[in-house]
């Protein structure tokens, strides 16, 4: 999620007892040093699970690089009452 605060708000709103957050820029490519830092902070905080986004899960590794359970939060886009208008906009601009 491009805005870390939105992700943090979602985690708290869902009722997770988050021990802390590590922020990385949008589209960040995780390095071995990043993974070591995440692992060390998790151990220091005594956590049992890590929470990430679907997008970052793909960037972390083909498999879970941590000895902890990963909770993955998905994002769903909703246009609410503007859904029909948005679809019409897409059809109009994609057919050109």
N, C-alpha and C. Protein backbone atom coordinates (compact mmCIF):
# COMPACT_ATOMS: atom_id res chain seq x y z
N UNK A 1 0.87 -1.17 0.00
CA UNK A 1 0.00 0.00 0.00
C UNK A 1 0.91 1.22 0.00
N UNK A 2 0.67 2.12 -0.92
CA UNK A 2 1.55 3.27 -1.07
C UNK A 2 1.57 4.13 0.20
N UNK A 3 0.47 4.16 0.90
CA UNK A 3 0.43 4.97 2.14
C UNK A 3 0.45 4.02 3.33
N UNK A 4 1.58 3.98 4.00
CA UNK A 4 1.75 3.08 5.13
C UNK A 4 0.72 3.31 6.23
N UNK A 5 0.31 4.56 6.43
CA UNK A 5 -0.65 4.87 7.48
C UNK A 5 -1.98 4.15 7.24
N UNK A 6 -2.39 4.03 5.98
CA UNK A 6 -3.64 3.32 5.67
C UNK A 6 -3.54 1.85 6.05
N UNK A 7 -2.40 1.24 5.76
CA UNK A 7 -2.19 -0.16 6.13
C UNK A 7 -2.21 -0.31 7.65
N UNK A 8 -1.53 0.57 8.34
CA UNK A 8 -1.49 0.51 9.80
C UNK A 8 -2.89 0.68 10.38
N UNK A 9 -3.66 1.61 9.85
CA UNK A 9 -5.05 1.81 10.31
C UNK A 9 -5.88 0.55 10.09
N UNK A 10 -5.70 -0.10 8.94
CA UNK A 10 -6.45 -1.32 8.63
C UNK A 10 -6.10 -2.42 9.62
N UNK A 11 -4.83 -2.58 9.93
CA UNK A 11 -4.38 -3.61 10.87
C UNK A 11 -5.03 -3.38 12.24
N UNK A 12 -5.02 -2.15 12.69
CA UNK A 12 -5.60 -1.82 14.00
C UNK A 12 -7.11 -1.98 13.97
N UNK A 13 -7.76 -1.51 12.90
CA UNK A 13 -9.21 -1.62 12.77
C UNK A 13 -9.66 -3.07 12.78
N UNK A 14 -8.86 -3.96 12.19
CA UNK A 14 -9.20 -5.39 12.17
C UNK A 14 -8.99 -6.05 13.53
N UNK A 15 -8.43 -5.32 14.48
CA UNK A 15 -8.30 -5.83 15.83
C UNK A 15 -7.00 -6.55 16.15
N UNK A 16 -6.01 -6.43 15.27
CA UNK A 16 -4.72 -7.05 15.55
C UNK A 16 -3.99 -6.26 16.62
N UNK A 17 -3.33 -6.94 17.51
CA UNK A 17 -2.53 -6.31 18.55
C UNK A 17 -1.11 -6.15 18.01
N UNK A 18 -0.92 -5.14 17.19
CA UNK A 18 0.37 -4.94 16.52
C UNK A 18 1.40 -4.43 17.51
N UNK A 19 2.55 -5.07 17.51
CA UNK A 19 3.65 -4.67 18.40
C UNK A 19 4.49 -3.56 17.78
N UNK A 20 4.31 -3.33 16.51
CA UNK A 20 5.05 -2.27 15.83
C UNK A 20 4.93 -2.42 14.34
N UNK A 21 5.43 -1.43 13.64
CA UNK A 21 5.37 -1.41 12.18
C UNK A 21 6.75 -1.04 11.63
N UNK A 22 7.13 -1.68 10.57
CA UNK A 22 8.32 -1.28 9.83
C UNK A 22 7.84 -0.73 8.49
N UNK A 23 8.31 0.43 8.13
CA UNK A 23 7.87 1.05 6.89
C UNK A 23 8.97 0.99 5.83
N UNK A 24 8.53 0.65 4.64
CA UNK A 24 9.41 0.65 3.48
C UNK A 24 8.69 1.42 2.38
N UNK A 25 9.43 2.04 1.47
CA UNK A 25 8.79 2.78 0.39
C UNK A 25 7.98 1.86 -0.53
N UNK A 26 7.03 2.45 -1.24
CA UNK A 26 6.23 1.71 -2.19
C UNK A 26 7.16 1.11 -3.25
N UNK A 27 6.86 -0.10 -3.70
CA UNK A 27 7.63 -0.84 -4.71
C UNK A 27 9.03 -1.21 -4.23
N UNK A 28 9.21 -1.27 -2.92
CA UNK A 28 10.51 -1.60 -2.34
C UNK A 28 10.90 -3.04 -2.66
N UNK A 29 12.15 -3.24 -3.05
CA UNK A 29 12.69 -4.57 -3.29
C UNK A 29 13.45 -4.97 -2.02
N UNK A 30 12.95 -5.96 -1.31
CA UNK A 30 13.55 -6.35 -0.05
C UNK A 30 14.92 -7.00 -0.25
N UNK A 31 15.87 -6.56 0.56
CA UNK A 31 17.22 -7.09 0.51
C UNK A 31 17.39 -8.11 1.65
N UNK A 32 18.49 -8.82 1.63
CA UNK A 32 18.80 -9.75 2.71
C UNK A 32 18.91 -8.99 4.03
N UNK A 33 19.45 -7.78 3.99
CA UNK A 33 19.56 -6.95 5.19
C UNK A 33 18.18 -6.58 5.72
N UNK A 34 17.24 -6.24 4.81
CA UNK A 34 15.87 -5.93 5.23
C UNK A 34 15.24 -7.12 5.94
N UNK A 35 15.41 -8.30 5.38
CA UNK A 35 14.81 -9.51 5.97
C UNK A 35 15.43 -9.80 7.34
N UNK A 36 16.72 -9.58 7.48
CA UNK A 36 17.39 -9.76 8.77
C UNK A 36 16.84 -8.76 9.79
N UNK A 37 16.65 -7.52 9.37
CA UNK A 37 16.10 -6.49 10.25
C UNK A 37 14.69 -6.84 10.69
N UNK A 38 13.86 -7.27 9.75
CA UNK A 38 12.48 -7.65 10.08
C UNK A 38 12.49 -8.80 11.08
N UNK A 39 13.29 -9.80 10.80
CA UNK A 39 13.39 -10.97 11.67
C UNK A 39 13.85 -10.57 13.08
N UNK A 40 14.88 -9.73 13.18
CA UNK A 40 15.42 -9.30 14.47
C UNK A 40 14.40 -8.49 15.26
N UNK A 41 13.70 -7.56 14.58
CA UNK A 41 12.69 -6.75 15.27
C UNK A 41 11.54 -7.62 15.76
N UNK A 42 11.15 -8.61 14.97
CA UNK A 42 10.08 -9.52 15.37
C UNK A 42 10.50 -10.32 16.60
N UNK A 43 11.73 -10.81 16.59
CA UNK A 43 12.23 -11.58 17.74
C UNK A 43 12.29 -10.70 18.99
N UNK A 44 12.80 -9.47 18.83
CA UNK A 44 12.90 -8.55 19.97
C UNK A 44 11.54 -8.22 20.56
N UNK A 45 10.52 -8.14 19.69
CA UNK A 45 9.16 -7.82 20.15
C UNK A 45 8.42 -9.05 20.66
N UNK A 46 8.97 -10.23 20.41
CA UNK A 46 8.33 -11.47 20.87
C UNK A 46 7.04 -11.79 20.13
N UNK A 47 6.98 -11.45 18.85
CA UNK A 47 5.75 -11.69 18.09
C UNK A 47 5.69 -13.13 17.58
N UNK A 48 4.47 -13.56 17.29
CA UNK A 48 4.26 -14.91 16.75
C UNK A 48 3.90 -14.89 15.28
N UNK A 49 3.48 -13.72 14.79
CA UNK A 49 3.04 -13.60 13.40
C UNK A 49 3.49 -12.25 12.83
N UNK A 50 3.64 -12.22 11.52
CA UNK A 50 3.91 -10.98 10.81
C UNK A 50 2.74 -10.70 9.89
N UNK A 51 2.44 -9.43 9.68
CA UNK A 51 1.34 -9.03 8.81
C UNK A 51 1.93 -8.25 7.64
N UNK A 52 1.49 -8.60 6.43
CA UNK A 52 1.97 -7.90 5.24
C UNK A 52 0.83 -7.79 4.24
N UNK A 53 1.08 -7.10 3.15
CA UNK A 53 0.10 -6.98 2.07
C UNK A 53 0.35 -8.07 1.04
N UNK A 54 -0.64 -8.32 0.20
CA UNK A 54 -0.46 -9.29 -0.89
C UNK A 54 0.70 -8.87 -1.78
N UNK A 55 0.76 -7.58 -2.07
CA UNK A 55 1.80 -7.05 -2.95
C UNK A 55 3.19 -7.30 -2.37
N UNK A 56 3.36 -7.06 -1.08
CA UNK A 56 4.66 -7.26 -0.47
C UNK A 56 4.99 -8.74 -0.26
N UNK A 57 3.98 -9.56 -0.10
CA UNK A 57 4.24 -10.99 0.02
C UNK A 57 4.99 -11.49 -1.22
N UNK A 58 4.57 -11.03 -2.37
CA UNK A 58 5.23 -11.43 -3.63
C UNK A 58 6.67 -10.94 -3.65
N UNK A 59 6.91 -9.78 -3.09
CA UNK A 59 8.26 -9.21 -3.10
C UNK A 59 9.18 -9.86 -2.06
N UNK A 60 8.59 -10.41 -1.02
CA UNK A 60 9.41 -10.98 0.05
C UNK A 60 10.17 -12.22 -0.40
N UNK A 61 9.46 -13.12 -1.06
CA UNK A 61 10.12 -14.36 -1.46
C UNK A 61 9.07 -15.28 -2.07
N UNK A 62 9.51 -16.26 -2.85
CA UNK A 62 8.56 -17.26 -3.33
C UNK A 62 7.99 -18.09 -2.18
N UNK A 63 8.71 -18.14 -1.07
CA UNK A 63 8.20 -18.83 0.11
C UNK A 63 8.44 -17.93 1.32
N UNK A 64 7.82 -18.25 2.41
CA UNK A 64 7.96 -17.44 3.61
C UNK A 64 9.40 -17.47 4.11
N UNK A 65 10.11 -16.32 4.09
CA UNK A 65 11.50 -16.31 4.54
C UNK A 65 11.64 -16.25 6.05
N UNK A 66 10.52 -16.27 6.76
CA UNK A 66 10.54 -16.14 8.21
C UNK A 66 10.06 -17.43 8.86
N UNK A 67 10.46 -17.63 10.10
CA UNK A 67 10.01 -18.80 10.86
C UNK A 67 8.68 -18.50 11.55
N UNK A 68 8.06 -17.39 11.19
CA UNK A 68 6.79 -16.97 11.78
C UNK A 68 5.67 -17.11 10.75
N UNK A 69 4.46 -17.25 11.25
CA UNK A 69 3.30 -17.28 10.37
C UNK A 69 3.11 -15.90 9.75
N UNK A 70 2.78 -15.86 8.48
CA UNK A 70 2.49 -14.59 7.81
C UNK A 70 0.99 -14.44 7.65
N UNK A 71 0.48 -13.29 8.05
CA UNK A 71 -0.91 -12.93 7.80
C UNK A 71 -0.87 -11.94 6.63
N UNK A 72 -1.63 -12.23 5.60
CA UNK A 72 -1.60 -11.41 4.40
C UNK A 72 -2.93 -10.69 4.24
N UNK A 73 -2.85 -9.37 4.20
CA UNK A 73 -4.06 -8.56 4.02
C UNK A 73 -4.23 -8.22 2.54
N UNK A 74 -5.39 -8.54 2.02
CA UNK A 74 -5.71 -8.19 0.64
C UNK A 74 -6.36 -6.83 0.58
N UNK A 75 -6.37 -6.27 -0.60
CA UNK A 75 -6.99 -4.97 -0.83
C UNK A 75 -8.07 -5.15 -1.88
N UNK A 76 -9.22 -4.61 -1.61
CA UNK A 76 -10.31 -4.66 -2.57
C UNK A 76 -10.72 -3.24 -2.91
N UNK A 77 -10.89 -2.98 -4.19
CA UNK A 77 -11.29 -1.66 -4.63
C UNK A 77 -12.80 -1.64 -4.82
N UNK A 78 -13.41 -0.61 -4.30
CA UNK A 78 -14.86 -0.45 -4.46
C UNK A 78 -15.15 0.96 -4.96
N UNK A 79 -15.98 1.03 -5.97
CA UNK A 79 -16.38 2.33 -6.50
C UNK A 79 -17.77 2.73 -6.02
N UNK A 80 -18.35 1.89 -5.17
CA UNK A 80 -19.64 2.21 -4.58
C UNK A 80 -20.68 2.57 -5.62
N UNK A 81 -21.34 3.69 -5.40
CA UNK A 81 -22.39 4.15 -6.31
C UNK A 81 -21.85 4.59 -7.67
N UNK A 82 -20.53 4.79 -7.78
CA UNK A 82 -19.93 5.24 -9.03
C UNK A 82 -19.43 4.10 -9.91
N UNK A 83 -19.74 2.86 -9.55
CA UNK A 83 -19.24 1.70 -10.30
C UNK A 83 -19.67 1.75 -11.77
N UNK A 84 -20.95 1.97 -12.02
CA UNK A 84 -21.45 1.99 -13.40
C UNK A 84 -20.78 3.13 -14.19
N UNK A 85 -20.63 4.27 -13.58
CA UNK A 85 -20.00 5.40 -14.24
C UNK A 85 -18.53 5.09 -14.56
N UNK A 86 -17.84 4.44 -13.64
CA UNK A 86 -16.44 4.08 -13.86
C UNK A 86 -16.32 3.07 -14.99
N UNK A 87 -17.18 2.04 -15.01
CA UNK A 87 -17.14 1.04 -16.08
C UNK A 87 -17.43 1.68 -17.43
N UNK A 88 -18.36 2.62 -17.46
CA UNK A 88 -18.66 3.34 -18.70
C UNK A 88 -17.45 4.13 -19.17
N UNK A 89 -16.77 4.77 -18.24
CA UNK A 89 -15.55 5.53 -18.55
C UNK A 89 -14.50 4.61 -19.15
N UNK A 90 -14.29 3.45 -18.54
CA UNK A 90 -13.30 2.50 -19.04
C UNK A 90 -13.64 2.04 -20.46
N UNK A 91 -14.90 1.64 -20.65
CA UNK A 91 -15.32 1.17 -21.97
C UNK A 91 -15.11 2.23 -23.04
N UNK A 92 -15.44 3.46 -22.68
CA UNK A 92 -15.31 4.57 -23.63
C UNK A 92 -13.85 4.80 -23.99
N UNK A 93 -12.97 4.79 -23.02
CA UNK A 93 -11.56 5.11 -23.27
C UNK A 93 -10.74 3.92 -23.77
N UNK A 94 -11.17 2.72 -23.46
CA UNK A 94 -10.43 1.56 -23.93
C UNK A 94 -10.82 1.17 -25.36
N UNK A 95 -11.94 1.63 -25.81
CA UNK A 95 -12.40 1.28 -27.17
C UNK A 95 -11.89 2.26 -28.22
N UNK A 96 -11.17 3.26 -27.80
CA UNK A 96 -10.66 4.28 -28.75
C UNK A 96 -9.41 3.78 -29.45
